[in-house]
Amino acid sequence: MPADRSDEARYLRQKAQQFRELARTYKTEISGKLLEIAQDLDTRAENLEKGARKSAAAHVQRRFSNGSASRARRYPLR
C-alpha cells in the first residue's frame, strides 16, 4: 500500500478511536452521533485499504500480462 494511503488510513482509525473514547467517557446526548462518526471513519479507512490492495493487484496484473486484452490495438487488423 502506498505510504500516503497507509498514513491516511492510520489517521482515520486513530480519529475513530478518539471519537469512541469521547463517547464512552462523556455519556451525553451526542454520544450516539460520535459512535456513528467513528464507524464512518473506520469504513473510510477500510475502503482506502481495499482500494490500495485492488490497485496494487491491478498493477501486478498489468505488469505481468501480455496486455493484449486490455489495450486497444495500435494498428487495425487487415
N, C-alpha and C. Protein backbone atom coordinates (compact mmCIF):
# COMPACT_ATOMS: atom_id res chain seq x y z
N MET A 1 0.85 -1.17 0.00
CA MET A 1 0.00 0.00 0.00
C MET A 1 0.89 1.22 0.00
N PRO A 2 0.59 2.20 -0.82
CA PRO A 2 1.40 3.42 -0.80
C PRO A 2 1.37 4.07 0.57
N ALA A 3 2.45 4.73 0.91
CA ALA A 3 2.59 5.31 2.24
C ALA A 3 1.50 6.34 2.54
N ASP A 4 1.14 7.16 1.57
CA ASP A 4 0.14 8.18 1.84
C ASP A 4 -1.22 7.58 2.16
N ARG A 5 -1.62 6.52 1.48
CA ARG A 5 -2.89 5.85 1.80
C ARG A 5 -2.81 5.15 3.15
N SER A 6 -1.69 4.55 3.40
CA SER A 6 -1.50 3.87 4.68
C SER A 6 -1.54 4.87 5.83
N ASP A 7 -0.89 6.00 5.64
CA ASP A 7 -0.90 7.04 6.67
C ASP A 7 -2.30 7.59 6.88
N GLU A 8 -3.02 7.80 5.79
CA GLU A 8 -4.37 8.33 5.90
C GLU A 8 -5.29 7.34 6.60
N ALA A 9 -5.16 6.06 6.27
CA ALA A 9 -5.99 5.03 6.92
C ALA A 9 -5.67 4.97 8.41
N ARG A 10 -4.40 5.03 8.75
CA ARG A 10 -3.99 5.01 10.16
C ARG A 10 -4.56 6.22 10.90
N TYR A 11 -4.48 7.39 10.26
CA TYR A 11 -5.01 8.62 10.85
C TYR A 11 -6.52 8.50 11.09
N LEU A 12 -7.24 7.99 10.10
CA LEU A 12 -8.69 7.84 10.25
C LEU A 12 -9.03 6.89 11.38
N ARG A 13 -8.27 5.81 11.52
CA ARG A 13 -8.53 4.86 12.62
C ARG A 13 -8.22 5.48 13.98
N GLN A 14 -7.17 6.29 14.05
CA GLN A 14 -6.85 6.97 15.31
C GLN A 14 -7.97 7.94 15.70
N LYS A 15 -8.47 8.68 14.72
CA LYS A 15 -9.56 9.62 15.00
C LYS A 15 -10.82 8.86 15.41
N ALA A 16 -11.09 7.74 14.78
CA ALA A 16 -12.25 6.93 15.15
C ALA A 16 -12.14 6.49 16.60
N GLN A 17 -10.94 6.08 16.99
CA GLN A 17 -10.73 5.65 18.38
C GLN A 17 -10.95 6.82 19.35
N GLN A 18 -10.50 8.00 18.97
CA GLN A 18 -10.71 9.17 19.82
C GLN A 18 -12.20 9.48 19.97
N PHE A 19 -12.95 9.38 18.89
CA PHE A 19 -14.39 9.62 18.97
C PHE A 19 -15.06 8.59 19.87
N ARG A 20 -14.63 7.33 19.78
CA ARG A 20 -15.21 6.30 20.65
C ARG A 20 -14.91 6.58 22.12
N GLU A 21 -13.66 6.98 22.39
CA GLU A 21 -13.29 7.28 23.77
C GLU A 21 -14.11 8.45 24.31
N LEU A 22 -14.30 9.48 23.48
CA LEU A 22 -15.12 10.61 23.91
C LEU A 22 -16.55 10.17 24.21
N ALA A 23 -17.11 9.35 23.34
CA ALA A 23 -18.49 8.89 23.51
C ALA A 23 -18.64 8.07 24.78
N ARG A 24 -17.65 7.26 25.09
CA ARG A 24 -17.75 6.40 26.28
C ARG A 24 -17.43 7.16 27.56
N THR A 25 -16.51 8.10 27.49
CA THR A 25 -16.12 8.85 28.68
C THR A 25 -17.19 9.83 29.11
N TYR A 26 -17.71 10.58 28.14
CA TYR A 26 -18.72 11.60 28.42
C TYR A 26 -20.03 11.16 27.80
N LYS A 27 -20.82 10.49 28.59
CA LYS A 27 -22.10 9.99 28.07
C LYS A 27 -23.09 11.14 28.00
N THR A 28 -23.22 11.67 26.79
CA THR A 28 -24.15 12.78 26.57
C THR A 28 -25.10 12.40 25.44
N GLU A 29 -25.95 13.35 25.07
CA GLU A 29 -26.91 13.08 24.00
C GLU A 29 -26.23 12.95 22.64
N ILE A 30 -24.99 13.41 22.51
CA ILE A 30 -24.30 13.28 21.21
C ILE A 30 -23.38 12.05 21.16
N SER A 31 -23.37 11.26 22.21
CA SER A 31 -22.51 10.07 22.22
C SER A 31 -22.84 9.11 21.08
N GLY A 32 -24.11 8.95 20.78
CA GLY A 32 -24.51 8.08 19.68
C GLY A 32 -23.99 8.59 18.35
N LYS A 33 -24.05 9.90 18.16
CA LYS A 33 -23.54 10.50 16.92
C LYS A 33 -22.03 10.34 16.83
N LEU A 34 -21.32 10.47 17.94
CA LEU A 34 -19.87 10.27 17.94
C LEU A 34 -19.51 8.85 17.55
N LEU A 35 -20.29 7.88 18.02
CA LEU A 35 -20.05 6.49 17.65
C LEU A 35 -20.32 6.26 16.16
N GLU A 36 -21.34 6.94 15.62
CA GLU A 36 -21.61 6.84 14.18
C GLU A 36 -20.45 7.42 13.37
N ILE A 37 -19.94 8.55 13.82
CA ILE A 37 -18.80 9.17 13.12
C ILE A 37 -17.60 8.24 13.15
N ALA A 38 -17.37 7.61 14.30
CA ALA A 38 -16.25 6.67 14.43
C ALA A 38 -16.41 5.51 13.46
N GLN A 39 -17.63 5.00 13.34
CA GLN A 39 -17.88 3.90 12.40
C GLN A 39 -17.63 4.35 10.97
N ASP A 40 -18.07 5.56 10.63
CA ASP A 40 -17.85 6.09 9.28
C ASP A 40 -16.35 6.23 8.99
N LEU A 41 -15.59 6.70 9.97
CA LEU A 41 -14.15 6.85 9.78
C LEU A 41 -13.48 5.49 9.57
N ASP A 42 -13.92 4.49 10.33
CA ASP A 42 -13.37 3.14 10.14
C ASP A 42 -13.71 2.59 8.75
N THR A 43 -14.92 2.86 8.30
CA THR A 43 -15.33 2.42 6.96
C THR A 43 -14.48 3.09 5.89
N ARG A 44 -14.24 4.38 6.03
CA ARG A 44 -13.40 5.09 5.07
C ARG A 44 -11.98 4.54 5.07
N ALA A 45 -11.44 4.23 6.26
CA ALA A 45 -10.10 3.66 6.35
C ALA A 45 -10.05 2.29 5.67
N GLU A 46 -11.08 1.50 5.89
CA GLU A 46 -11.15 0.17 5.27
C GLU A 46 -11.23 0.28 3.75
N ASN A 47 -12.03 1.22 3.26
CA ASN A 47 -12.13 1.42 1.82
C ASN A 47 -10.81 1.88 1.22
N LEU A 48 -10.10 2.72 1.93
CA LEU A 48 -8.77 3.13 1.47
C LEU A 48 -7.85 1.93 1.34
N GLU A 49 -7.87 1.08 2.37
CA GLU A 49 -7.01 -0.10 2.35
C GLU A 49 -7.41 -1.06 1.24
N LYS A 50 -8.70 -1.26 1.05
CA LYS A 50 -9.17 -2.14 -0.02
C LYS A 50 -8.80 -1.57 -1.38
N GLY A 51 -8.99 -0.28 -1.55
CA GLY A 51 -8.65 0.37 -2.80
C GLY A 51 -7.17 0.25 -3.11
N ALA A 52 -6.35 0.35 -2.09
CA ALA A 52 -4.90 0.23 -2.28
C ALA A 52 -4.55 -1.20 -2.67
N ARG A 53 -5.23 -2.17 -2.06
CA ARG A 53 -4.96 -3.57 -2.42
C ARG A 53 -5.40 -3.85 -3.84
N LYS A 54 -6.57 -3.30 -4.23
CA LYS A 54 -7.06 -3.52 -5.58
C LYS A 54 -6.14 -2.89 -6.60
N SER A 55 -5.68 -1.67 -6.33
CA SER A 55 -4.82 -1.00 -7.30
C SER A 55 -3.46 -1.69 -7.37
N ALA A 56 -2.98 -2.22 -6.26
CA ALA A 56 -1.71 -2.95 -6.28
C ALA A 56 -1.86 -4.25 -7.07
N ALA A 57 -3.00 -4.92 -6.90
CA ALA A 57 -3.24 -6.17 -7.65
C ALA A 57 -3.38 -5.86 -9.14
N ALA A 58 -4.04 -4.76 -9.47
CA ALA A 58 -4.19 -4.39 -10.87
C ALA A 58 -2.84 -4.05 -11.48
N HIS A 59 -1.99 -3.41 -10.69
CA HIS A 59 -0.65 -3.07 -11.18
C HIS A 59 0.15 -4.33 -11.48
N VAL A 60 0.07 -5.30 -10.60
CA VAL A 60 0.78 -6.57 -10.82
C VAL A 60 0.23 -7.27 -12.05
N GLN A 61 -1.09 -7.25 -12.19
CA GLN A 61 -1.71 -7.91 -13.34
C GLN A 61 -1.27 -7.23 -14.64
N ARG A 62 -1.26 -5.91 -14.66
CA ARG A 62 -0.82 -5.20 -15.87
C ARG A 62 0.65 -5.47 -16.15
N ARG A 63 1.44 -5.55 -15.09
CA ARG A 63 2.88 -5.73 -15.27
C ARG A 63 3.21 -7.09 -15.87
N PHE A 64 2.47 -8.12 -15.49
CA PHE A 64 2.82 -9.47 -15.91
C PHE A 64 1.90 -10.04 -16.99
N SER A 65 0.94 -9.27 -17.45
CA SER A 65 0.10 -9.79 -18.53
C SER A 65 0.68 -9.36 -19.87
N ASN A 66 0.19 -10.00 -20.91
CA ASN A 66 0.69 -9.63 -22.23
C ASN A 66 0.03 -8.36 -22.74
N GLY A 67 -1.02 -7.92 -22.07
CA GLY A 67 -1.64 -6.65 -22.38
C GLY A 67 -2.54 -6.64 -23.59
N SER A 68 -2.69 -7.75 -24.27
CA SER A 68 -3.48 -7.74 -25.50
C SER A 68 -4.96 -7.55 -25.24
N ALA A 69 -5.46 -8.02 -24.13
CA ALA A 69 -6.90 -7.93 -23.89
C ALA A 69 -7.31 -6.57 -23.32
N SER A 70 -6.39 -5.86 -22.71
CA SER A 70 -6.79 -4.65 -22.02
C SER A 70 -6.50 -3.38 -22.82
N ARG A 71 -5.75 -3.45 -23.87
CA ARG A 71 -5.40 -2.26 -24.63
C ARG A 71 -5.99 -2.32 -26.04
N ALA A 72 -6.26 -1.15 -26.56
CA ALA A 72 -6.71 -1.08 -27.95
C ALA A 72 -5.52 -1.37 -28.85
N ARG A 73 -5.79 -1.93 -29.99
CA ARG A 73 -4.72 -2.24 -30.93
C ARG A 73 -4.16 -0.95 -31.51
N ARG A 74 -2.86 -0.94 -31.68
CA ARG A 74 -2.23 0.23 -32.30
C ARG A 74 -2.52 0.28 -33.78
N TYR A 75 -2.52 -0.87 -34.40
CA TYR A 75 -2.74 -0.95 -35.85
C TYR A 75 -3.93 -1.87 -36.08
N PRO A 76 -4.86 -1.46 -36.90
CA PRO A 76 -6.03 -2.32 -37.15
C PRO A 76 -5.64 -3.59 -37.89
N LEU A 77 -6.40 -4.62 -37.63
CA LEU A 77 -6.17 -5.89 -38.34
C LEU A 77 -6.62 -5.73 -39.78
N ARG A 78 -5.93 -6.38 -40.70
CA ARG A 78 -6.30 -6.29 -42.13
C ARG A 78 -6.76 -7.61 -42.64
